């Protein structure tokens, strides 16, 4: 092959690669532009006041394409697929209870994004602000509103595999005091003190006493439900194979996702409910893999997100293993029930 032919082949290859790059940029730009336009047949979203007090509303992150995408919106709890009121506050993850909200946000920079957690009052005004060390994953507020928690990926970006690292933090929303990582708590595993370099925590959920919380502990390839004590700064293992726990309103049961053998590695979970008194597990009627921290709508029903056309849709299923799952809202994630 002559030098001239080699140069022609090289120039042609560079031209093809450049064309592919331009096409990819144009496609991404067009997709981003489409997200700024209201989707045909999607939910109606209009700006207005959103508060975290009162009765009978559901507040969540709006995923519908349009000018209010990613904003915290409110709908009547009895009509979750109805028109949405958009707050103007954008969050990647959100939760609220007793007039306190936690909002995990991306801060877009010229080179890369950083992340932060905002503690919000009942009118979604920022009370405290904290840096978050990685991609936001889970968020919770205690039933009293006195504590908030969040989880972020600081290595890897999916719970499906084993090569990831998380950081779970808890903050006193009254004083602003931050516990930056649960890894500083003393661990009691199987009745004995436990230390290991590979411990990870995620998915905090709070009891009503402003002292007790539950979370997932992962170590040496296994996961455990732990009960935490904010005063003693301890966590104690209770049950194996529990991820992303969510405490029921009466404090007697935990809804969670459980890895089931034989399922695909990227979709390994089914929803269960654990009775904390008997440690009896009840599989729920949702047979699809759920990678979410479920929310209790009431003492009988849990709500969770599954992938949808615009990011995620919300579903509900009875907490006693009966019935069937039902989609209640499209283009929505991170719900919280107010009142």
C-alpha atoms as a PDB file:
ATOM      1  CA  UNK A   1       0.000   0.000   0.000  1.00  0.00           C
ATOM      2  CA  UNK A   2       1.350   3.372  -1.004  1.00  0.00           C
ATOM      3  CA  UNK A   3       1.835   6.269   1.389  1.00  0.00           C
ATOM      4  CA  UNK A   4      -0.846   8.197  -0.488  1.00  0.00           C
ATOM      5  CA  UNK A   5      -3.407   5.410   0.035  1.00  0.00           C
ATOM      6  CA  UNK A   6      -2.563   5.183   3.689  1.00  0.00           C
ATOM      7  CA  UNK A   7      -3.100   8.914   4.091  1.00  0.00           C
ATOM      8  CA  UNK A   8      -6.449   8.674   2.265  1.00  0.00           C
ATOM      9  CA  UNK A   9      -7.583   5.833   4.555  1.00  0.00           C
ATOM     10  CA  UNK A  10      -6.511   7.786   7.644  1.00  0.00           C
ATOM     11  CA  UNK A  11      -8.315  10.915   6.479  1.00  0.00           C
ATOM     12  CA  UNK A  12     -11.440   8.905   5.702  1.00  0.00           C
ATOM     13  CA  UNK A  13     -11.386   7.254   9.143  1.00  0.00           C
ATOM     14  CA  UNK A  14     -10.997  10.615  10.860  1.00  0.00           C
ATOM     15  CA  UNK A  15     -13.893  12.007   8.818  1.00  0.00           C
ATOM     16  CA  UNK A  16     -16.138   9.073   9.761  1.00  0.00           C
ATOM     17  CA  UNK A  17     -15.289   9.427  13.454  1.00  0.00           C
ATOM     18  CA  UNK A  18     -15.934  13.156  13.307  1.00  0.00           C
ATOM     19  CA  UNK A  19     -19.298  12.578  11.635  1.00  0.00           C
ATOM     20  CA  UNK A  20     -20.266  10.039  14.301  1.00  0.00           C
ATOM     21  CA  UNK A  21     -19.252  12.484  17.028  1.00  0.00           C
ATOM     22  CA  UNK A  22     -21.239  15.325  15.507  1.00  0.00           C
ATOM     23  CA  UNK A  23     -24.275  13.075  15.080  1.00  0.00           C
ATOM     24  CA  UNK A  24     -24.058  11.974  18.718  1.00  0.00           C
ATOM     25  CA  UNK A  25     -23.832  15.581  19.925  1.00  0.00           C
ATOM     26  CA  UNK A  26     -26.764  16.627  17.740  1.00  0.00           C
ATOM     27  CA  UNK A  27     -28.837  13.662  18.949  1.00  0.00           C
ATOM     28  CA  UNK A  28     -28.106  14.462  22.606  1.00  0.00           C
ATOM     29  CA  UNK A  29     -28.876  18.140  21.989  1.00  0.00           C
ATOM     30  CA  UNK A  30     -32.161  17.301  20.268  1.00  0.00           C
ATOM     31  CA  UNK A  31     -33.145  14.960  23.085  1.00  0.00           C
ATOM     32  CA  UNK A  32     -32.328  17.616  25.687  1.00  0.00           C
ATOM     33  CA  UNK A  33     -34.360  20.149  23.703  1.00  0.00           C
ATOM     34  CA  UNK A  34     -37.334  17.761  23.562  1.00  0.00           C
ATOM     35  CA  UNK A  35     -37.224  17.462  27.339  1.00  0.00           C
ATOM     36  CA  UNK A  36     -37.889  21.185  27.574  1.00  0.00           C
ATOM     37  CA  UNK A  37     -41.152  20.852  25.658  1.00  0.00           C
ATOM     38  CA  UNK A  38     -44.351  19.492  27.201  1.00  0.00           C
ATOM     39  CA  UNK A  39     -45.009  15.911  26.148  1.00  0.00           C
ATOM     40  CA  UNK A  40     -48.176  15.180  24.224  1.00  0.00           C
ATOM     41  CA  UNK A  41     -50.695  13.364  26.397  1.00  0.00           C
ATOM     42  CA  UNK A  42     -48.600  13.881  29.520  1.00  0.00           C
ATOM     43  CA  UNK A  43     -49.780  15.214  32.867  1.00  0.00           C
ATOM     44  CA  UNK A  44     -50.770  18.864  33.128  1.00  0.00           C
ATOM     45  CA  UNK A  45     -48.192  20.791  35.152  1.00  0.00           C
ATOM     46  CA  UNK A  46     -48.638  24.427  36.167  1.00  0.00           C
ATOM     47  CA  UNK A  47     -46.601  26.589  38.581  1.00  0.00           C
ATOM     48  CA  UNK A  48     -48.050  27.419  41.973  1.00  0.00           C
ATOM     49  CA  UNK A  49     -47.504  27.247  45.730  1.00  0.00           C
ATOM     50  CA  UNK A  50     -46.445  23.872  47.153  1.00  0.00           C
ATOM     51  CA  UNK A  51     -46.323  23.365  50.908  1.00  0.00           C
ATOM     52  CA  UNK A  52     -45.319  20.470  53.150  1.00  0.00           C
ATOM     53  CA  UNK A  53     -48.194  20.920  55.601  1.00  0.00           C
ATOM     54  CA  UNK A  54     -51.905  20.278  55.463  1.00  0.00           C
ATOM     55  CA  UNK A  55     -53.763  17.101  54.665  1.00  0.00           C
ATOM     56  CA  UNK A  56     -54.231  14.749  51.752  1.00  0.00           C
ATOM     57  CA  UNK A  57     -51.510  15.606  49.244  1.00  0.00           C
ATOM     58  CA  UNK A  58     -48.681  13.695  47.599  1.00  0.00           C
ATOM     59  CA  UNK A  59     -45.466  15.543  46.777  1.00  0.00           C
ATOM     60  CA  UNK A  60     -42.852  14.115  44.404  1.00  0.00           C
ATOM     61  CA  UNK A  61     -40.242  14.836  41.735  1.00  0.00           C
ATOM     62  CA  UNK A  62     -41.907  15.501  38.389  1.00  0.00           C
ATOM     63  CA  UNK A  63     -40.278  13.560  35.532  1.00  0.00           C
ATOM     64  CA  UNK A  64     -42.620  14.740  32.761  1.00  0.00           C
ATOM     65  CA  UNK A  65     -40.873  16.541  29.911  1.00  0.00           C
ATOM     66  CA  UNK A  66     -41.423  20.263  29.859  1.00  0.00           C
ATOM     67  CA  UNK A  67     -40.316  23.411  31.664  1.00  0.00           C
ATOM     68  CA  UNK A  68     -41.094  21.890  35.096  1.00  0.00           C
ATOM     69  CA  UNK A  69     -39.159  18.635  34.697  1.00  0.00           C
ATOM     70  CA  UNK A  70     -37.344  17.624  37.930  1.00  0.00           C
ATOM     71  CA  UNK A  71     -39.315  20.098  40.039  1.00  0.00           C
ATOM     72  CA  UNK A  72     -41.060  19.112  43.265  1.00  0.00           C
ATOM     73  CA  UNK A  73     -44.771  19.001  42.481  1.00  0.00           C
ATOM     74  CA  UNK A  74     -47.937  18.391  44.470  1.00  0.00           C
ATOM     75  CA  UNK A  75     -51.139  16.505  43.651  1.00  0.00           C
ATOM     76  CA  UNK A  76     -54.106  15.407  45.768  1.00  0.00           C
ATOM     77  CA  UNK A  77     -53.250  12.038  47.326  1.00  0.00           C
ATOM     78  CA  UNK A  78     -56.623  10.747  46.156  1.00  0.00           C
ATOM     79  CA  UNK A  79     -55.853  11.725  42.548  1.00  0.00           C
ATOM     80  CA  UNK A  80     -52.136  10.962  42.032  1.00  0.00           C
ATOM     81  CA  UNK A  81     -52.450  11.053  38.236  1.00  0.00           C
ATOM     82  CA  UNK A  82     -54.220  14.421  38.248  1.00  0.00           C
ATOM     83  CA  UNK A  83     -52.923  17.927  37.426  1.00  0.00           C
ATOM     84  CA  UNK A  84     -49.646  18.862  39.106  1.00  0.00           C
ATOM     85  CA  UNK A  85     -48.657  22.061  40.869  1.00  0.00           C
ATOM     86  CA  UNK A  86     -44.953  22.807  40.328  1.00  0.00           C
ATOM     87  CA  UNK A  87     -42.891  24.466  43.047  1.00  0.00           C
ATOM     88  CA  UNK A  88     -39.866  25.666  41.056  1.00  0.00           C
ATOM     89  CA  UNK A  89     -37.539  23.638  43.340  1.00  0.00           C
ATOM     90  CA  UNK A  90     -35.584  20.988  41.427  1.00  0.00           C
ATOM     91  CA  UNK A  91     -34.402  17.789  43.136  1.00  0.00           C
ATOM     92  CA  UNK A  92     -32.877  14.473  42.109  1.00  0.00           C
ATOM     93  CA  UNK A  93     -34.255  12.841  45.262  1.00  0.00           C
ATOM     94  CA  UNK A  94     -36.841  14.216  47.662  1.00  0.00           C
ATOM     95  CA  UNK A  95     -38.760  13.316  50.795  1.00  0.00           C
ATOM     96  CA  UNK A  96     -40.804  15.170  53.412  1.00  0.00           C
ATOM     97  CA  UNK A  97     -42.591  14.683  56.739  1.00  0.00           C
ATOM     98  CA  UNK A  98     -44.105  16.997  59.354  1.00  0.00           C
ATOM     99  CA  UNK A  99     -43.326  20.170  57.437  1.00  0.00           C
ATOM    100  CA  UNK A 100     -39.657  19.331  56.765  1.00  0.00           C
ATOM    101  CA  UNK A 101     -38.231  18.353  53.396  1.00  0.00           C
ATOM    102  CA  UNK A 102     -34.900  17.043  52.143  1.00  0.00           C
ATOM    103  CA  UNK A 103     -33.886  17.780  48.557  1.00  0.00           C
ATOM    104  CA  UNK A 104     -30.806  16.267  46.916  1.00  0.00           C
ATOM    105  CA  UNK A 105     -29.663  18.425  44.018  1.00  0.00           C
ATOM    106  CA  UNK A 106     -27.081  18.479  41.263  1.00  0.00           C
ATOM    107  CA  UNK A 107     -24.949  21.612  40.957  1.00  0.00           C
ATOM    108  CA  UNK A 108     -23.873  21.852  37.327  1.00  0.00           C
ATOM    109  CA  UNK A 109     -20.292  23.017  36.823  1.00  0.00           C
ATOM    110  CA  UNK A 110     -18.217  23.788  33.720  1.00  0.00           C
ATOM    111  CA  UNK A 111     -16.389  20.439  33.902  1.00  0.00           C
ATOM    112  CA  UNK A 112     -18.469  18.159  36.131  1.00  0.00           C
ATOM    113  CA  UNK A 113     -21.444  18.163  38.478  1.00  0.00           C
ATOM    114  CA  UNK A 114     -21.314  18.299  42.242  1.00  0.00           C
ATOM    115  CA  UNK A 115     -24.160  17.512  44.611  1.00  0.00           C
ATOM    116  CA  UNK A 116     -25.740  18.988  47.708  1.00  0.00           C
ATOM    117  CA  UNK A 117     -28.508  18.324  50.215  1.00  0.00           C
ATOM    118  CA  UNK A 118     -30.987  21.028  51.153  1.00  0.00           C
ATOM    119  CA  UNK A 119     -33.111  20.921  54.288  1.00  0.00           C
ATOM    120  CA  UNK A 120     -36.370  22.706  53.465  1.00  0.00           C
ATOM    121  CA  UNK A 121     -39.082  24.249  55.628  1.00  0.00           C
ATOM    122  CA  UNK A 122     -42.794  23.780  55.027  1.00  0.00           C
ATOM    123  CA  UNK A 123     -42.732  26.331  52.153  1.00  0.00           C
ATOM    124  CA  UNK A 124     -39.710  24.691  50.501  1.00  0.00           C
ATOM    125  CA  UNK A 125     -37.326  27.422  51.642  1.00  0.00           C
ATOM    126  CA  UNK A 126     -33.758  26.321  52.369  1.00  0.00           C
ATOM    127  CA  UNK A 127     -32.896  26.080  56.066  1.00  0.00           C
ATOM    128  CA  UNK A 128     -29.587  24.170  55.895  1.00  0.00           C
ATOM    129  CA  UNK A 129     -27.271  23.193  53.047  1.00  0.00           C
ATOM    130  CA  UNK A 130     -24.665  20.399  52.918  1.00  0.00           C
ATOM    131  CA  UNK A 131     -22.224  19.018  50.374  1.00  0.00           C
ATOM    132  CA  UNK A 132     -22.985  15.457  49.233  1.00  0.00           C
ATOM    133  CA  UNK A 133     -19.911  13.402  48.275  1.00  0.00           C
ATOM    134  CA  UNK A 134     -21.417  11.539  45.315  1.00  0.00           C
ATOM    135  CA  UNK A 135     -24.468  10.759  43.187  1.00  0.00           C
ATOM    136  CA  UNK A 136     -27.668  11.003  45.302  1.00  0.00           C
ATOM    137  CA  UNK A 137     -29.517   7.740  45.794  1.00  0.00           C
ATOM    138  CA  UNK A 138     -31.935   7.748  48.781  1.00  0.00           C
ATOM    139  CA  UNK A 139     -33.522  10.387  51.022  1.00  0.00           C
ATOM    140  CA  UNK A 140     -35.731  10.257  54.113  1.00  0.00           C
ATOM    141  CA  UNK A 141     -37.142  12.514  56.857  1.00  0.00           C
ATOM    142  CA  UNK A 142     -38.165  11.253  60.289  1.00  0.00           C
ATOM    143  CA  UNK A 143     -41.911  11.228  61.125  1.00  0.00           C
ATOM    144  CA  UNK A 144     -41.367  14.208  63.463  1.00  0.00           C
ATOM    145  CA  UNK A 145     -39.395  16.162  60.865  1.00  0.00           C
ATOM    146  CA  UNK A 146     -36.504  16.487  63.344  1.00  0.00           C
ATOM    147  CA  UNK A 147     -34.026  14.333  61.376  1.00  0.00           C
ATOM    148  CA  UNK A 148     -33.213  13.795  57.718  1.00  0.00           C
ATOM    149  CA  UNK A 149     -30.977  11.272  55.989  1.00  0.00           C
ATOM    150  CA  UNK A 150     -29.532  10.709  52.569  1.00  0.00           C
ATOM    151  CA  UNK A 151     -27.397   8.165  50.745  1.00  0.00           C
ATOM    152  CA  UNK A 152     -24.978   8.838  47.895  1.00  0.00           C
ATOM    153  CA  UNK A 153     -22.817   6.655  45.668  1.00  0.00           C
ATOM    154  CA  UNK A 154     -19.178   7.567  46.180  1.00  0.00           C
ATOM    155  CA  UNK A 155     -17.897   4.714  44.013  1.00  0.00           C
ATOM    156  CA  UNK A 156     -19.940   2.963  41.322  1.00  0.00           C
ATOM    157  CA  UNK A 157     -23.492   3.994  40.533  1.00  0.00           C
ATOM    158  CA  UNK A 158     -25.729   0.952  40.926  1.00  0.00           C
ATOM    159  CA  UNK A 159     -26.807  -1.399  43.707  1.00  0.00           C
ATOM    160  CA  UNK A 160     -27.104  -4.262  41.205  1.00  0.00           C
ATOM    161  CA  UNK A 161     -23.424  -5.218  41.282  1.00  0.00           C
ATOM    162  CA  UNK A 162     -20.926  -5.514  44.111  1.00  0.00           C
ATOM    163  CA  UNK A 163     -18.401  -2.901  43.010  1.00  0.00           C
ATOM    164  CA  UNK A 164     -19.887   0.182  44.626  1.00  0.00           C
ATOM    165  CA  UNK A 165     -19.461   2.275  47.729  1.00  0.00           C
ATOM    166  CA  UNK A 166     -22.063   4.411  49.499  1.00  0.00           C
ATOM    167  CA  UNK A 167     -22.105   7.131  52.135  1.00  0.00           C
ATOM    168  CA  UNK A 168     -25.143   7.528  54.403  1.00  0.00           C
ATOM    169  CA  UNK A 169     -25.530  10.737  56.429  1.00  0.00           C
ATOM    170  CA  UNK A 170     -28.020  11.919  59.063  1.00  0.00           C
ATOM    171  CA  UNK A 171     -28.662  15.519  60.101  1.00  0.00           C
ATOM    172  CA  UNK A 172     -30.570  17.058  62.997  1.00  0.00           C
ATOM    173  CA  UNK A 173     -32.817  19.500  61.111  1.00  0.00           C
ATOM    174  CA  UNK A 174     -33.269  21.698  64.195  1.00  0.00           C
ATOM    175  CA  UNK A 175     -29.633  22.275  65.162  1.00  0.00           C
ATOM    176  CA  UNK A 176     -28.059  21.539  61.788  1.00  0.00           C
ATOM    177  CA  UNK A 177     -25.647  19.024  63.353  1.00  0.00           C
ATOM    178  CA  UNK A 178     -24.486  16.558  60.706  1.00  0.00           C
ATOM    179  CA  UNK A 179     -23.419  12.935  61.094  1.00  0.00           C
ATOM    180  CA  UNK A 180     -21.525  12.666  57.782  1.00  0.00           C
ATOM    181  CA  UNK A 181     -21.287   8.878  57.701  1.00  0.00           C
ATOM    182  CA  UNK A 182     -22.799   5.946  59.576  1.00  0.00           C
ATOM    183  CA  UNK A 183     -19.479   4.152  59.177  1.00  0.00           C
ATOM    184  CA  UNK A 184     -18.388   5.910  62.384  1.00  0.00           C
ATOM    185  CA  UNK A 185     -21.079   4.078  64.401  1.00  0.00           C
ATOM    186  CA  UNK A 186     -20.188   0.976  66.407  1.00  0.00           C
ATOM    187  CA  UNK A 187     -21.513  -2.213  64.782  1.00  0.00           C
ATOM    188  CA  UNK A 188     -22.944  -5.140  66.725  1.00  0.00           C
ATOM    189  CA  UNK A 189     -23.288  -8.128  64.382  1.00  0.00           C
ATOM    190  CA  UNK A 190     -24.783 -11.406  65.571  1.00  0.00           C
ATOM    191  CA  UNK A 191     -24.432 -10.183  69.154  1.00  0.00           C
ATOM    192  CA  UNK A 192     -20.734  -9.283  68.928  1.00  0.00           C
ATOM    193  CA  UNK A 193     -18.764  -6.111  68.127  1.00  0.00           C
ATOM    194  CA  UNK A 194     -17.825  -6.053  64.461  1.00  0.00           C
ATOM    195  CA  UNK A 195     -15.290  -4.104  62.415  1.00  0.00           C
ATOM    196  CA  UNK A 196     -14.437  -4.418  58.715  1.00  0.00           C
ATOM    197  CA  UNK A 197     -12.974  -2.158  56.081  1.00  0.00           C
ATOM    198  CA  UNK A 198     -15.699  -2.924  53.520  1.00  0.00           C
ATOM    199  CA  UNK A 199     -18.800  -1.757  55.435  1.00  0.00           C
ATOM    200  CA  UNK A 200     -21.377   0.241  53.493  1.00  0.00           C
ATOM    201  CA  UNK A 201     -24.657   1.752  54.717  1.00  0.00           C
ATOM    202  CA  UNK A 202     -27.651   2.979  52.760  1.00  0.00           C
ATOM    203  CA  UNK A 203     -31.418   3.418  52.842  1.00  0.00           C
ATOM    204  CA  UNK A 204     -32.072   5.008  56.259  1.00  0.00           C
ATOM    205  CA  UNK A 205     -35.636   5.014  57.618  1.00  0.00           C
ATOM    206  CA  UNK A 206     -36.698   6.529  60.952  1.00  0.00           C
ATOM    207  CA  UNK A 207     -38.930   5.546  63.874  1.00  0.00           C
ATOM    208  CA  UNK A 208     -41.087   8.120  65.683  1.00  0.00           C
ATOM    209  CA  UNK A 209     -38.973   8.325  68.844  1.00  0.00           C
ATOM    210  CA  UNK A 210     -36.251  10.574  67.348  1.00  0.00           C
ATOM    211  CA  UNK A 211     -33.707   7.985  68.378  1.00  0.00           C
ATOM    212  CA  UNK A 212     -34.261   4.738  66.456  1.00  0.00           C
ATOM    213  CA  UNK A 213     -33.589   4.248  62.774  1.00  0.00           C
ATOM    214  CA  UNK A 214     -33.160   1.311  60.410  1.00  0.00           C
ATOM    215  CA  UNK A 215     -30.799   0.959  57.444  1.00  0.00           C
ATOM    216  CA  UNK A 216     -28.977  -1.533  55.245  1.00  0.00           C
ATOM    217  CA  UNK A 217     -25.471  -2.671  56.177  1.00  0.00           C
ATOM    218  CA  UNK A 218     -23.393  -4.437  53.530  1.00  0.00           C
ATOM    219  CA  UNK A 219     -20.189  -6.285  54.354  1.00  0.00           C
ATOM    220  CA  UNK A 220     -18.312  -9.275  52.914  1.00  0.00           C
ATOM    221  CA  UNK A 221     -20.843  -9.789  50.146  1.00  0.00           C
ATOM    222  CA  UNK A 222     -23.945  -9.874  52.383  1.00  0.00           C
ATOM    223  CA  UNK A 223     -26.575  -7.316  53.357  1.00  0.00           C
ATOM    224  CA  UNK A 224     -28.337  -6.901  56.706  1.00  0.00           C
ATOM    225  CA  UNK A 225     -31.137  -4.902  58.219  1.00  0.00           C
ATOM    226  CA  UNK A 226     -29.680  -2.925  61.121  1.00  0.00           C
ATOM    227  CA  UNK A 227     -31.423  -1.032  63.904  1.00  0.00           C
ATOM    228  CA  UNK A 228     -29.579   2.144  64.799  1.00  0.00           C
ATOM    229  CA  UNK A 229     -29.489   4.219  67.956  1.00  0.00           C
ATOM    230  CA  UNK A 230     -28.710   7.911  67.400  1.00  0.00           C
ATOM    231  CA  UNK A 231     -27.814   8.507  71.053  1.00  0.00           C
ATOM    232  CA  UNK A 232     -25.581   5.492  71.575  1.00  0.00           C
ATOM    233  CA  UNK A 233     -24.151   5.774  68.025  1.00  0.00           C
ATOM    234  CA  UNK A 234     -24.583   2.033  67.448  1.00  0.00           C
ATOM    235  CA  UNK A 235     -26.149  -0.201  64.805  1.00  0.00           C
ATOM    236  CA  UNK A 236     -27.240  -3.793  65.466  1.00  0.00           C
ATOM    237  CA  UNK A 237     -27.946  -6.432  62.824  1.00  0.00           C
ATOM    238  CA  UNK A 238     -31.471  -7.882  62.873  1.00  0.00           C
ATOM    239  CA  UNK A 239     -32.076  -9.810  59.660  1.00  0.00           C
ATOM    240  CA  UNK A 240     -30.155 -10.807  56.534  1.00  0.00           C
ATOM    241  CA  UNK A 241     -30.895  -9.999  52.869  1.00  0.00           C
ATOM    242  CA  UNK A 242     -32.621  -6.662  53.453  1.00  0.00           C
ATOM    243  CA  UNK A 243     -31.993  -3.615  51.250  1.00  0.00           C
ATOM    244  CA  UNK A 244     -33.539  -0.126  51.284  1.00  0.00           C
ATOM    245  CA  UNK A 245     -35.834  -0.618  54.310  1.00  0.00           C
ATOM    246  CA  UNK A 246     -38.932   1.499  54.880  1.00  0.00           C
ATOM    247  CA  UNK A 247     -40.622   1.480  58.291  1.00  0.00           C
ATOM    248  CA  UNK A 248     -44.420   1.221  58.399  1.00  0.00           C
ATOM    249  CA  UNK A 249     -46.435   4.045  60.003  1.00  0.00           C
ATOM    250  CA  UNK A 250     -47.095   1.941  63.118  1.00  0.00           C
ATOM    251  CA  UNK A 251     -43.412   0.960  63.409  1.00  0.00           C
ATOM    252  CA  UNK A 252     -44.060  -2.799  63.291  1.00  0.00           C
ATOM    253  CA  UNK A 253     -43.037  -3.744  59.743  1.00  0.00           C
ATOM    254  CA  UNK A 254     -40.306  -3.057  57.218  1.00  0.00           C
ATOM    255  CA  UNK A 255     -40.944  -2.938  53.466  1.00  0.00           C
ATOM    256  CA  UNK A 256     -37.751  -3.666  51.545  1.00  0.00           C
ATOM    257  CA  UNK A 257     -36.219  -5.107  48.406  1.00  0.00           C
ATOM    258  CA  UNK A 258     -34.614  -8.535  48.583  1.00  0.00           C
ATOM    259  CA  UNK A 259     -32.211 -10.200  46.190  1.00  0.00           C
ATOM    260  CA  UNK A 260     -33.752 -13.380  44.830  1.00  0.00           C
ATOM    261  CA  UNK A 261     -31.537 -16.170  43.500  1.00  0.00           C
ATOM    262  CA  UNK A 262     -31.966 -16.960  39.833  1.00  0.00           C
ATOM    263  CA  UNK A 263     -32.947 -13.457  38.742  1.00  0.00           C
ATOM    264  CA  UNK A 264     -30.775 -11.423  36.327  1.00  0.00           C
ATOM    265  CA  UNK A 265     -27.792  -9.696  37.923  1.00  0.00           C
ATOM    266  CA  UNK A 266     -29.011  -6.269  36.816  1.00  0.00           C
ATOM    267  CA  UNK A 267     -32.576  -6.852  38.089  1.00  0.00           C
ATOM    268  CA  UNK A 268     -32.315  -9.133  41.138  1.00  0.00           C
ATOM    269  CA  UNK A 269     -34.864  -7.722  43.594  1.00  0.00           C
ATOM    270  CA  UNK A 270     -38.420  -8.463  44.722  1.00  0.00           C
ATOM    271  CA  UNK A 271     -40.426  -6.488  47.277  1.00  0.00           C
ATOM    272  CA  UNK A 272     -41.024  -8.007  50.716  1.00  0.00           C
ATOM    273  CA  UNK A 273     -42.440  -6.938  54.055  1.00  0.00           C
ATOM    274  CA  UNK A 274     -40.770  -8.053  57.298  1.00  0.00           C
ATOM    275  CA  UNK A 275     -42.641  -8.305  60.599  1.00  0.00           C
ATOM    276  CA  UNK A 276     -40.187  -6.891  63.148  1.00  0.00           C
ATOM    277  CA  UNK A 277     -41.657  -8.898  66.016  1.00  0.00           C
ATOM    278  CA  UNK A 278     -41.627 -12.353  64.398  1.00  0.00           C
ATOM    279  CA  UNK A 279     -39.084 -11.671  61.590  1.00  0.00           C
ATOM    280  CA  UNK A 280     -41.527 -13.351  59.209  1.00  0.00           C
ATOM    281  CA  UNK A 281     -41.102 -12.341  55.557  1.00  0.00           C
ATOM    282  CA  UNK A 282     -44.038 -11.758  53.217  1.00  0.00           C
ATOM    283  CA  UNK A 283     -43.385 -11.484  49.466  1.00  0.00           C
ATOM    284  CA  UNK A 284     -45.509  -8.819  47.798  1.00  0.00           C
ATOM    285  CA  UNK A 285     -47.497  -9.274  44.604  1.00  0.00           C
ATOM    286  CA  UNK A 286     -45.154  -7.156  42.475  1.00  0.00           C
ATOM    287  CA  UNK A 287     -43.118  -9.657  40.466  1.00  0.00           C
ATOM    288  CA  UNK A 288     -40.923  -7.160  38.604  1.00  0.00           C
ATOM    289  CA  UNK A 289     -37.544  -6.159  40.003  1.00  0.00           C
ATOM    290  CA  UNK A 290     -37.864  -2.999  42.107  1.00  0.00           C
ATOM    291  CA  UNK A 291     -34.756  -0.881  42.703  1.00  0.00           C
ATOM    292  CA  UNK A 292     -36.317   1.675  45.044  1.00  0.00           C
ATOM    293  CA  UNK A 293     -36.878   2.479  48.688  1.00  0.00           C
ATOM    294  CA  UNK A 294     -40.615   1.944  48.955  1.00  0.00           C
ATOM    295  CA  UNK A 295     -42.918   4.441  50.693  1.00  0.00           C
ATOM    296  CA  UNK A 296     -45.878   3.504  52.874  1.00  0.00           C
ATOM    297  CA  UNK A 297     -48.998   5.276  51.632  1.00  0.00           C
ATOM    298  CA  UNK A 298     -50.829   3.987  54.712  1.00  0.00           C
ATOM    299  CA  UNK A 299     -50.697   0.924  56.964  1.00  0.00           C
ATOM    300  CA  UNK A 300     -51.941  -1.324  54.137  1.00  0.00           C
ATOM    301  CA  UNK A 301     -50.224  -0.048  50.973  1.00  0.00           C
ATOM    302  CA  UNK A 302     -46.692   0.561  49.732  1.00  0.00           C
ATOM    303  CA  UNK A 303     -45.718   2.780  46.807  1.00  0.00           C
ATOM    304  CA  UNK A 304     -42.578   2.459  44.673  1.00  0.00           C
ATOM    305  CA  UNK A 305     -41.077   3.481  41.333  1.00  0.00           C
ATOM    306  CA  UNK A 306     -40.388   1.389  38.254  1.00  0.00           C
ATOM    307  CA  UNK A 307     -38.775   2.510  34.981  1.00  0.00           C
ATOM    308  CA  UNK A 308     -41.145   4.351  32.627  1.00  0.00           C
ATOM    309  CA  UNK A 309     -41.091   6.170  29.323  1.00  0.00           C
ATOM    310  CA  UNK A 310     -39.964   9.431  30.917  1.00  0.00           C
ATOM    311  CA  UNK A 311     -37.752   8.044  33.666  1.00  0.00           C
ATOM    312  CA  UNK A 312     -40.039   6.422  36.226  1.00  0.00           C
ATOM    313  CA  UNK A 313     -43.673   5.692  37.061  1.00  0.00           C
ATOM    314  CA  UNK A 314     -45.215   5.117  40.489  1.00  0.00           C
ATOM    315  CA  UNK A 315     -47.012   1.911  41.457  1.00  0.00           C
ATOM    316  CA  UNK A 316     -48.742   0.672  44.584  1.00  0.00           C
ATOM    317  CA  UNK A 317     -49.349  -2.818  45.953  1.00  0.00           C
ATOM    318  CA  UNK A 318     -50.961  -4.208  49.140  1.00  0.00           C
ATOM    319  CA  UNK A 319     -48.479  -4.734  51.978  1.00  0.00           C
ATOM    320  CA  UNK A 320     -49.902  -8.132  53.006  1.00  0.00           C
ATOM    321  CA  UNK A 321     -48.944 -10.012  49.829  1.00  0.00           C
ATOM    322  CA  UNK A 322     -52.444  -9.988  48.362  1.00  0.00           C
ATOM    323  CA  UNK A 323     -53.844  -8.203  45.317  1.00  0.00           C
ATOM    324  CA  UNK A 324     -51.895  -6.958  42.326  1.00  0.00           C
ATOM    325  CA  UNK A 325     -49.667  -3.970  41.564  1.00  0.00           C
ATOM    326  CA  UNK A 326     -51.320  -0.902  40.047  1.00  0.00           C
ATOM    327  CA  UNK A 327     -49.766   2.099  38.358  1.00  0.00           C
ATOM    328  CA  UNK A 328     -50.931   5.308  40.035  1.00  0.00           C
ATOM    329  CA  UNK A 329     -48.857   8.004  38.310  1.00  0.00           C
ATOM    330  CA  UNK A 330     -46.575   8.380  35.287  1.00  0.00           C
ATOM    331  CA  UNK A 331     -43.336  10.343  35.027  1.00  0.00           C
ATOM    332  CA  UNK A 332     -42.912  10.561  38.809  1.00  0.00           C
ATOM    333  CA  UNK A 333     -40.426   9.473  41.481  1.00  0.00           C
ATOM    334  CA  UNK A 334     -39.549  10.135  45.163  1.00  0.00           C
ATOM    335  CA  UNK A 335     -43.087  10.449  46.555  1.00  0.00           C
ATOM    336  CA  UNK A 336     -43.991  11.653  50.043  1.00  0.00           C
ATOM    337  CA  UNK A 337     -47.473  11.736  51.551  1.00  0.00           C
ATOM    338  CA  UNK A 338     -48.349  14.908  53.440  1.00  0.00           C
ATOM    339  CA  UNK A 339     -50.665  14.650  56.420  1.00  0.00           C
END
